[in-house]
Amino acid sequence: MISDQVQALLEESSTLEPWRLTGDQIRSELRAAAEAVAALQSLTVKLAAAAEDLALPREDGCTSPTVWLASTTNVSKREASKLVSLTRFDPTRGTITRERWGTGRLTTEQAHIILKALDALPEWFVDEQHDDAEATLLLHASEFGADDLRRLANRIVEVVDPDSPDEIIGAQLERQEKQAWDETHLSITRMGRGRSSIRGVLPDVQADMLKTVLEGLASPRREGAVFRDVDGEHSDAEIGRLDHARRMGLALCELVEHLPTECFPQAGGVAATVTINLDYDDLRERVSRATLSTGSDMSASQARRLACSANLIPVVLDGDSRVLDLGTSKRLHDRYQRIALATRDGGCSWKGCDRPPGWCEAHHLTPWSHGGDTSIDNGALFCFFHHHLLHDTDWSARLSEDGVVEVIPPPRIDPQRRPLRHARHVRLRPRVLEPT
């Protein structure tokens, strides 16, 4: 029985002492553990599908297969829902994907991405096109993780129908966008003790717009970054020690406080306004409480801060008003060059890194100290970590002939020093058919 094999695996893993292992052994054991997890989750999905066929959820008094799986395995309903969703794909598609998933050669998330991509192909596609799509995605699954594979899967029609990919992708995008708009919602709920909870769903495009602004504001490397709260200011060093979610929350507060109110309708777009019948001196010196136009109370310290930053004293961000000496302006990429680099690179150029442009620094491919100029062709975006890695180790980067930044590993990593590209710049390679 499979249960005996699982029990033997658990007993073996419980006696493993990682501190006794070498680095290579840890990597090997970790990969083996990941394969075992994937294989067991594949088995879980098969069993869940069989249980639904036998009507076990109803027999056990559960309202849905998700509820039944959660209660039977003690996982969260969210996790159970993900696994149950894998039983909904066409069982006649993705046979090789399911086989590899079942043996642990694909993670559960990779399998989900491939099966979902195959399920989304147009109905008029023939079996050969489905097979080509699956083979292409499996080829890339061995090279890229789930996040990068998802990006490639979204473009799979470029391989299976190269004559009309734009038309097909455009139709898919229109359907997705309509569904996203239909499901868009936002709720702001008072939690008490001066806090509110924000929950909602936005379309990807608008969410990316908001996220791009917040990522830039939340970046621990943002020049002159200062977040304010009721206790005063956080320096950029302190911001660097905050987790990502905390920085994003503070960034949203900063964004809300600095919205360009003159661009909004006067009836509903007025910024947070202190509506209190006291003159400015009283507000600054003696009042202990103030009130927003919404009726919410606030402390005197926050009222004074909003009176300065939101109404009386405009916030001037770094820009034309900042004075830079000639040497610095020539050595550093300017604002417009950064915009061009962000458009070209899309974020950190290191393969597998998900840092957006707002978190990145402009790197001279040929160092300034070695005669490299400050230009777009000699620049590349890298996050703080990978930028330092390029300067402090024997990794290097270059701009390829087709205008894509490539990272060159040192010989100790790859003796052939084959260049690495981020998945956002990788072209899908269709399956090469063997001659019959």
Protein backbone atom coordinates (compact mmCIF):
# COMPACT_ATOMS: atom_id res chain seq x y z
CA MET A 1 0.00 0.00 0.00
CA ILE A 2 1.09 3.57 -0.72
CA SER A 3 0.46 4.45 2.93
CA ASP A 4 3.24 2.08 3.98
CA GLN A 5 5.65 3.79 1.57
CA VAL A 6 4.66 7.21 2.86
CA GLN A 7 5.15 6.07 6.45
CA ALA A 8 8.61 4.74 5.60
CA LEU A 9 9.47 8.06 3.96
CA LEU A 10 8.32 9.99 7.04
CA GLU A 11 10.35 7.79 9.35
CA GLU A 12 13.46 8.23 7.21
CA SER A 13 13.06 12.01 7.00
CA SER A 14 12.49 12.34 10.76
CA THR A 15 15.95 10.87 11.45
CA LEU A 16 17.74 13.16 9.01
CA GLU A 17 20.11 15.59 10.72
CA PRO A 18 20.72 18.53 8.32
CA TRP A 19 23.62 19.87 10.35
CA ARG A 20 25.62 16.79 9.39
CA LEU A 21 25.17 17.41 5.65
CA THR A 22 27.42 19.22 3.20
CA GLY A 23 26.10 22.01 1.01
CA ASP A 24 25.66 19.68 -1.96
CA GLN A 25 23.86 17.13 0.20
CA ILE A 26 21.47 19.80 1.50
CA ARG A 27 20.66 20.86 -2.05
CA SER A 28 20.10 17.24 -3.06
CA GLU A 29 17.89 16.45 -0.07
CA LEU A 30 15.90 19.64 -0.60
CA ARG A 31 15.20 18.75 -4.22
CA ALA A 32 14.20 15.24 -3.17
CA ALA A 33 11.85 16.63 -0.54
CA ALA A 34 10.26 18.98 -3.08
CA GLU A 35 9.75 16.07 -5.49
CA ALA A 36 8.13 14.02 -2.73
CA VAL A 37 5.79 16.87 -1.83
CA ALA A 38 4.74 17.30 -5.47
CA ALA A 39 4.15 13.57 -5.93
CA LEU A 40 2.07 13.37 -2.75
CA GLN A 41 0.00 16.40 -3.75
CA SER A 42 -0.61 14.77 -7.13
CA LEU A 43 -1.84 11.71 -5.26
CA THR A 44 -4.05 13.92 -3.09
CA VAL A 45 -5.70 15.40 -6.19
CA LYS A 46 -6.30 11.95 -7.67
CA LEU A 47 -7.88 10.77 -4.41
CA ALA A 48 -10.01 13.92 -4.18
CA ALA A 49 -11.29 13.33 -7.71
CA ALA A 50 -12.10 9.70 -6.90
CA ALA A 51 -13.87 10.76 -3.71
CA GLU A 52 -16.04 13.19 -5.66
CA ASP A 53 -16.92 10.46 -8.18
CA LEU A 54 -18.06 8.28 -5.26
CA ALA A 55 -20.00 11.21 -3.72
CA LEU A 56 -18.00 10.91 -0.49
CA PRO A 57 -18.29 14.65 0.35
CA ARG A 58 -22.08 14.42 0.36
CA GLU A 59 -21.97 11.10 2.20
CA ASP A 60 -19.86 12.70 4.94
CA GLY A 61 -22.19 15.69 5.22
CA CYS A 62 -19.91 18.26 3.55
CA THR A 63 -21.28 20.98 1.31
CA SER A 64 -18.51 20.75 -1.30
CA PRO A 65 -15.41 18.77 -2.24
CA THR A 66 -13.31 21.66 -0.95
CA VAL A 67 -14.91 21.55 2.49
CA TRP A 68 -14.60 17.77 2.53
CA LEU A 69 -10.90 17.80 1.60
CA ALA A 70 -10.16 20.50 4.17
CA SER A 71 -11.91 18.62 6.96
CA THR A 72 -10.44 15.25 5.98
CA THR A 73 -6.83 16.42 5.70
CA ASN A 74 -6.90 19.34 8.18
CA VAL A 75 -5.59 21.82 5.61
CA SER A 76 -7.09 25.27 5.14
CA LYS A 77 -10.03 25.71 2.81
CA ARG A 78 -7.87 27.94 0.66
CA GLU A 79 -5.28 25.18 0.20
CA ALA A 80 -8.01 22.58 -0.36
CA SER A 81 -9.62 24.81 -3.00
CA LYS A 82 -6.33 24.99 -4.93
CA LEU A 83 -6.01 21.21 -4.96
CA VAL A 84 -9.66 20.62 -5.88
CA SER A 85 -9.33 23.08 -8.77
CA LEU A 86 -6.76 20.73 -10.28
CA THR A 87 -9.49 18.09 -10.67
CA ARG A 88 -11.51 20.41 -12.93
CA PHE A 89 -9.23 20.41 -15.97
CA ASP A 90 -9.97 18.26 -19.03
CA PRO A 91 -8.58 14.80 -18.14
CA THR A 92 -7.86 14.09 -21.82
CA ARG A 93 -5.32 16.96 -21.96
CA GLY A 94 -1.97 17.21 -20.24
CA THR A 95 -1.28 13.51 -19.86
CA ILE A 96 2.50 13.92 -19.81
CA THR A 97 2.20 16.82 -17.39
CA ARG A 98 0.20 14.70 -14.96
CA GLU A 99 2.71 11.83 -15.27
CA ARG A 100 5.67 14.08 -14.48
CA TRP A 101 3.79 15.74 -11.65
CA GLY A 102 2.97 12.35 -10.20
CA THR A 103 6.66 11.43 -10.11
CA GLY A 104 7.70 14.76 -8.62
CA ARG A 105 9.44 16.08 -11.72
CA LEU A 106 7.01 19.01 -11.77
CA THR A 107 5.87 21.00 -8.78
CA THR A 108 2.15 21.26 -8.13
CA GLU A 109 2.15 24.91 -9.11
CA GLN A 110 3.98 24.19 -12.37
CA ALA A 111 1.47 21.46 -13.18
CA HIS A 112 -1.40 23.84 -12.42
CA ILE A 113 0.07 26.49 -14.72
CA ILE A 114 0.49 24.07 -17.63
CA LEU A 115 -2.92 22.44 -17.23
CA LYS A 116 -4.60 25.84 -16.96
CA ALA A 117 -2.80 27.07 -20.09
CA LEU A 118 -3.86 23.99 -22.04
CA ASP A 119 -7.43 24.37 -20.82
CA ALA A 120 -7.49 28.00 -22.01
CA LEU A 121 -6.47 27.20 -25.59
CA PRO A 122 -9.20 27.91 -28.18
CA GLU A 123 -11.69 25.13 -28.78
CA TRP A 124 -10.77 24.84 -32.46
CA PHE A 125 -7.18 23.82 -31.73
CA VAL A 126 -6.41 20.27 -32.83
CA ASP A 127 -4.67 17.61 -30.74
CA GLU A 128 -1.29 18.31 -32.34
CA GLN A 129 -1.46 21.95 -31.27
CA HIS A 130 -2.29 20.92 -27.70
CA ASP A 131 0.63 18.48 -27.74
CA ASP A 132 3.01 21.18 -29.03
CA ALA A 133 1.84 23.59 -26.34
CA GLU A 134 2.32 21.02 -23.60
CA ALA A 135 5.74 19.93 -24.87
CA THR A 136 6.93 23.55 -25.09
CA LEU A 137 5.81 24.38 -21.56
CA LEU A 138 7.34 21.19 -20.18
CA LEU A 139 10.61 22.12 -21.89
CA HIS A 140 10.65 25.48 -20.11
CA ALA A 141 9.42 24.02 -16.81
CA SER A 142 12.75 22.24 -16.44
CA GLU A 143 14.54 25.59 -16.68
CA PHE A 144 12.25 28.09 -14.97
CA GLY A 145 10.32 28.26 -11.72
CA ALA A 146 6.59 28.79 -11.35
CA ASP A 147 6.55 32.59 -11.63
CA ASP A 148 8.56 32.67 -14.84
CA LEU A 149 6.71 29.67 -16.27
CA ARG A 150 3.41 31.50 -15.75
CA ARG A 151 4.65 34.42 -17.85
CA LEU A 152 5.69 32.06 -20.62
CA ALA A 153 2.40 30.14 -20.44
CA ASN A 154 0.50 33.34 -21.10
CA ARG A 155 2.24 33.53 -24.49
CA ILE A 156 1.98 29.87 -25.48
CA VAL A 157 -0.28 30.61 -28.46
CA GLU A 158 2.74 32.24 -30.11
CA VAL A 159 4.10 28.71 -30.53
CA VAL A 160 1.00 26.71 -31.39
CA ASP A 161 -0.53 29.31 -33.73
CA PRO A 162 2.25 31.69 -34.86
CA ASP A 163 0.11 33.11 -37.70
CA SER A 164 -2.51 34.71 -35.46
CA PRO A 165 -1.24 34.97 -31.86
CA ASP A 166 -2.19 38.63 -31.47
CA GLU A 167 -5.79 37.95 -32.42
CA ILE A 168 -6.10 35.01 -30.02
CA ILE A 169 -4.29 36.70 -27.14
CA GLY A 170 -6.28 39.87 -27.73
CA ALA A 171 -9.57 37.97 -27.49
CA GLN A 172 -8.39 36.21 -24.32
CA LEU A 173 -7.35 39.51 -22.78
CA GLU A 174 -10.70 41.10 -23.58
CA ARG A 175 -12.53 38.24 -21.86
CA GLN A 176 -10.24 38.40 -18.85
CA GLU A 177 -10.51 42.18 -18.58
CA LYS A 178 -14.30 42.08 -18.74
CA GLN A 179 -14.38 39.45 -16.02
CA ALA A 180 -11.93 41.48 -13.94
CA TRP A 181 -14.07 44.60 -14.20
CA ASP A 182 -17.17 42.58 -13.27
CA GLU A 183 -15.40 41.28 -10.16
CA THR A 184 -13.79 44.57 -9.11
CA HIS A 185 -14.73 45.66 -5.61
CA LEU A 186 -13.29 47.47 -2.62
CA SER A 187 -14.38 47.62 1.00
CA ILE A 188 -12.97 49.70 3.85
CA THR A 189 -14.03 48.44 7.26
CA ARG A 190 -13.45 50.04 10.62
CA MET A 191 -11.60 47.71 12.99
CA GLY A 192 -11.48 49.97 16.03
CA ARG A 193 -8.51 51.49 17.83
CA GLY A 194 -7.86 53.87 14.96
CA ARG A 195 -7.51 51.20 12.29
CA SER A 196 -9.34 50.28 9.08
CA SER A 197 -9.10 47.16 6.94
CA ILE A 198 -8.97 47.43 3.15
CA ARG A 199 -10.01 44.43 1.06
CA GLY A 200 -10.80 44.19 -2.60
CA VAL A 201 -10.10 42.99 -6.13
CA LEU A 202 -8.71 45.14 -8.94
CA PRO A 203 -8.01 44.40 -12.60
CA ASP A 204 -4.36 43.53 -13.21
CA VAL A 205 -3.57 46.69 -15.17
CA GLN A 206 -4.87 49.09 -12.56
CA ALA A 207 -3.38 46.98 -9.77
CA ASP A 208 0.01 47.13 -11.51
CA MET A 209 -0.28 50.91 -11.81
CA LEU A 210 -0.93 51.20 -8.09
CA LYS A 211 1.74 48.64 -7.20
CA THR A 212 4.36 50.40 -9.33
CA VAL A 213 3.82 53.66 -7.45
CA LEU A 214 3.80 51.94 -4.06
CA GLU A 215 6.91 49.87 -4.84
CA GLY A 216 8.74 53.05 -5.72
CA LEU A 217 7.61 54.76 -2.51
CA ALA A 218 8.33 51.68 -0.40
CA SER A 219 11.78 50.97 -1.80
CA PRO A 220 14.36 50.95 0.99
CA ARG A 221 16.82 52.42 -1.53
CA ARG A 222 14.63 55.39 -2.49
CA GLU A 223 16.73 58.53 -2.28
CA GLY A 224 15.67 60.67 0.67
CA ALA A 225 13.00 58.15 1.68
CA VAL A 226 11.24 59.26 4.83
CA PHE A 227 7.98 57.79 6.09
CA ARG A 228 6.12 59.71 8.73
CA ASP A 229 3.76 58.35 11.36
CA VAL A 230 2.30 59.50 14.65
CA ASP A 231 5.62 58.85 16.38
CA GLY A 232 7.63 61.01 13.98
CA GLU A 233 9.78 59.87 11.07
CA HIS A 234 11.37 56.62 9.97
CA SER A 235 14.78 57.05 8.39
CA ASP A 236 15.70 55.09 5.26
CA ALA A 237 17.83 52.76 7.41
CA GLU A 238 14.83 52.01 9.61
CA ILE A 239 12.65 51.45 6.56
CA GLY A 240 15.11 48.83 5.33
CA ARG A 241 14.46 46.81 8.47
CA LEU A 242 10.69 46.81 7.95
CA ASP A 243 9.10 43.91 6.13
CA HIS A 244 7.68 44.41 2.65
CA ALA A 245 4.01 44.48 3.66
CA ARG A 246 4.70 47.13 6.31
CA ARG A 247 6.58 49.33 3.82
CA MET A 248 3.78 48.96 1.26
CA GLY A 249 1.21 49.98 3.88
CA LEU A 250 3.23 53.06 4.79
CA ALA A 251 3.70 53.83 1.09
CA LEU A 252 -0.07 53.74 0.57
CA CYS A 253 -0.52 56.19 3.44
CA GLU A 254 2.06 58.50 1.85
CA LEU A 255 0.39 58.23 -1.56
CA VAL A 256 -3.05 59.04 -0.15
CA GLU A 257 -1.71 62.06 1.70
CA HIS A 258 -0.08 63.45 -1.44
CA LEU A 259 -2.76 62.89 -4.06
CA PRO A 260 -3.03 65.88 -6.44
CA THR A 261 -6.35 67.11 -5.09
CA GLU A 262 -6.71 69.82 -7.74
CA CYS A 263 -7.25 67.05 -10.32
CA PHE A 264 -10.29 65.59 -8.58
CA PRO A 265 -13.92 66.76 -8.52
CA GLN A 266 -14.48 69.30 -5.79
CA ALA A 267 -17.48 67.47 -4.39
CA GLY A 268 -15.88 64.13 -3.67
CA GLY A 269 -12.16 64.50 -4.19
CA VAL A 270 -11.17 66.87 -1.43
CA ALA A 271 -8.09 65.74 0.49
CA ALA A 272 -8.10 65.01 4.19
CA THR A 273 -9.12 68.39 5.62
CA VAL A 274 -9.00 69.50 9.24
CA THR A 275 -12.41 70.98 9.87
CA ILE A 276 -12.10 72.62 13.25
CA ASN A 277 -13.20 76.06 14.32
CA LEU A 278 -9.83 77.16 15.63
CA ASP A 279 -7.18 79.35 14.10
CA TYR A 280 -3.84 77.89 12.99
CA ASP A 281 -2.04 78.88 16.19
CA ASP A 282 -4.58 76.94 18.25
CA LEU A 283 -4.21 73.95 15.97
CA ARG A 284 -0.44 74.11 16.19
CA GLU A 285 -0.12 74.80 19.90
CA ARG A 286 -3.04 73.82 22.09
CA VAL A 287 -5.75 71.64 20.54
CA SER A 288 -5.69 68.02 21.67
CA ARG A 289 -8.05 66.61 19.05
CA ALA A 290 -9.12 67.48 15.51
CA THR A 291 -11.78 66.19 13.15
CA LEU A 292 -11.71 65.28 9.48
CA SER A 293 -14.47 66.25 7.10
CA THR A 294 -15.61 62.61 7.28
CA GLY A 295 -16.23 62.93 11.00
CA SER A 296 -13.24 60.85 12.06
CA ASP A 297 -11.27 62.06 15.05
CA MET A 298 -7.50 62.41 15.00
CA SER A 299 -4.80 63.40 17.44
CA ALA A 300 -3.33 66.87 17.52
CA SER A 301 0.05 65.63 16.34
CA GLN A 302 -1.41 64.02 13.22
CA ALA A 303 -3.61 67.06 12.61
CA ARG A 304 -0.58 69.34 12.66
CA ARG A 305 1.28 67.03 10.29
CA LEU A 306 -1.61 66.86 7.79
CA ALA A 307 -2.11 70.59 7.99
CA CYS A 308 1.48 71.00 6.83
CA SER A 309 1.85 68.17 4.31
CA ALA A 310 -1.64 68.08 2.81
CA ASN A 311 -2.83 71.69 2.86
CA LEU A 312 -0.48 74.53 3.76
CA ILE A 313 3.00 73.45 2.82
CA PRO A 314 3.26 71.64 -0.52
CA VAL A 315 5.48 68.61 -0.64
CA VAL A 316 8.29 69.14 -3.12
CA LEU A 317 9.76 65.86 -4.29
CA ASP A 318 13.21 65.46 -5.81
CA GLY A 319 13.09 66.81 -9.34
CA ASP A 320 13.90 70.05 -11.12
CA SER A 321 14.23 71.93 -7.84
CA ARG A 322 17.08 69.69 -6.64
CA VAL A 323 20.55 71.12 -7.25
CA LEU A 324 23.11 68.59 -8.52
CA ASP A 325 26.73 69.42 -9.23
CA LEU A 326 28.04 68.77 -12.74
CA GLY A 327 30.11 65.75 -11.79
CA THR A 328 27.26 63.91 -10.13
CA SER A 329 24.82 64.65 -12.92
CA LYS A 330 27.23 63.26 -15.48
CA ARG A 331 28.12 60.16 -13.48
CA LEU A 332 24.56 59.10 -12.57
CA HIS A 333 21.77 58.19 -14.95
CA ASP A 334 19.17 60.94 -15.00
CA ARG A 335 15.43 60.62 -14.64
CA TYR A 336 14.72 60.16 -18.34
CA GLN A 337 17.44 57.55 -18.77
CA ARG A 338 15.97 55.65 -15.81
CA ILE A 339 12.56 55.69 -17.50
CA ALA A 340 14.11 54.29 -20.68
CA LEU A 341 15.94 51.58 -18.72
CA ALA A 342 12.74 50.65 -16.89
CA THR A 343 10.90 50.35 -20.20
CA ARG A 344 13.64 48.20 -21.72
CA ASP A 345 14.57 45.97 -18.75
CA GLY A 346 11.22 45.79 -16.93
CA GLY A 347 12.89 45.43 -13.53
CA CYS A 348 15.97 43.71 -12.18
CA SER A 349 17.78 42.01 -15.06
CA TRP A 350 18.98 39.05 -12.95
CA LYS A 351 17.34 35.79 -13.97
CA GLY A 352 14.61 34.86 -11.49
CA CYS A 353 14.58 38.22 -9.65
CA ASP A 354 11.16 39.86 -9.33
CA ARG A 355 12.27 43.31 -8.12
CA PRO A 356 10.38 46.02 -10.09
CA PRO A 357 12.06 49.10 -11.61
CA GLY A 358 11.27 51.20 -8.55
CA TRP A 359 13.46 48.90 -6.43
CA CYS A 360 16.37 48.90 -8.85
CA GLU A 361 19.54 50.90 -9.35
CA ALA A 362 21.17 51.84 -12.66
CA HIS A 363 24.34 49.84 -13.17
CA HIS A 364 27.16 50.82 -15.56
CA LEU A 365 27.87 47.71 -17.68
CA THR A 366 31.32 49.15 -18.39
CA PRO A 367 32.28 50.84 -15.11
CA TRP A 368 32.47 54.64 -14.99
CA SER A 369 35.94 54.31 -13.52
CA HIS A 370 37.01 52.30 -16.61
CA GLY A 371 35.78 54.85 -19.10
CA GLY A 372 32.19 53.67 -19.39
CA ASP A 373 29.75 56.43 -20.30
CA THR A 374 26.45 57.20 -18.61
CA SER A 375 24.10 56.12 -21.38
CA ILE A 376 21.17 53.81 -21.89
CA ASP A 377 23.27 51.30 -23.85
CA ASN A 378 25.83 51.18 -21.04
CA GLY A 379 23.18 50.96 -18.32
CA ALA A 380 21.12 48.16 -16.82
CA LEU A 381 18.68 47.87 -13.93
CA PHE A 382 19.60 45.64 -11.01
CA CYS A 383 18.16 45.45 -7.52
CA PHE A 384 20.29 46.44 -4.52
CA PHE A 385 21.39 42.83 -3.81
CA HIS A 386 22.32 41.89 -7.36
CA HIS A 387 23.92 45.28 -8.04
CA HIS A 388 26.29 44.68 -5.16
CA LEU A 389 26.89 41.11 -6.36
CA LEU A 390 28.06 42.46 -9.72
CA HIS A 391 30.46 44.89 -8.05
CA ASP A 392 31.76 42.63 -5.29
CA THR A 393 32.13 39.24 -7.06
CA ASP A 394 33.19 37.81 -10.41
CA TRP A 395 29.69 37.90 -11.91
CA SER A 396 29.34 40.31 -14.85
CA ALA A 397 26.67 41.69 -17.17
CA ARG A 398 26.48 42.85 -20.77
CA LEU A 399 24.02 44.15 -23.34
CA SER A 400 23.45 41.58 -26.08
CA GLU A 401 23.19 42.38 -29.77
CA ASP A 402 19.39 42.19 -29.62
CA GLY A 403 19.26 44.75 -26.81
CA VAL A 404 18.66 42.41 -23.85
CA VAL A 405 20.75 42.56 -20.68
CA GLU A 406 22.50 39.25 -19.98
CA VAL A 407 24.23 38.16 -16.78
CA ILE A 408 27.43 36.13 -17.17
CA PRO A 409 28.15 33.63 -14.39
CA PRO A 410 31.74 33.07 -13.21
CA PRO A 411 33.59 29.89 -14.27
CA ARG A 412 33.07 28.34 -10.82
CA ILE A 413 29.31 28.41 -11.47
CA ASP A 414 29.37 27.61 -15.17
CA PRO A 415 32.71 26.75 -16.82
CA GLN A 416 31.22 27.69 -20.19
CA ARG A 417 30.00 31.04 -18.82
CA ARG A 418 26.72 30.82 -20.73
CA PRO A 419 24.75 34.08 -20.49
CA LEU A 420 21.54 34.13 -18.45
CA ARG A 421 18.45 36.11 -19.38
CA HIS A 422 15.42 37.02 -17.33
CA ALA A 423 12.31 35.09 -18.36
CA ARG A 424 10.54 38.30 -19.34
CA HIS A 425 12.97 38.51 -22.29
CA VAL A 426 13.06 34.81 -23.23
CA ARG A 427 11.48 33.79 -26.51
CA LEU A 428 9.48 30.59 -26.40
CA ARG A 429 11.17 27.67 -28.12
CA PRO A 430 8.73 25.31 -29.85
CA ARG A 431 9.25 21.59 -29.63
CA VAL A 432 11.53 20.15 -32.30
CA LEU A 433 9.81 17.15 -33.85
CA GLU A 434 11.91 14.03 -34.27
CA PRO A 435 12.05 12.70 -37.87
CA THR A 436 9.84 9.67 -38.35
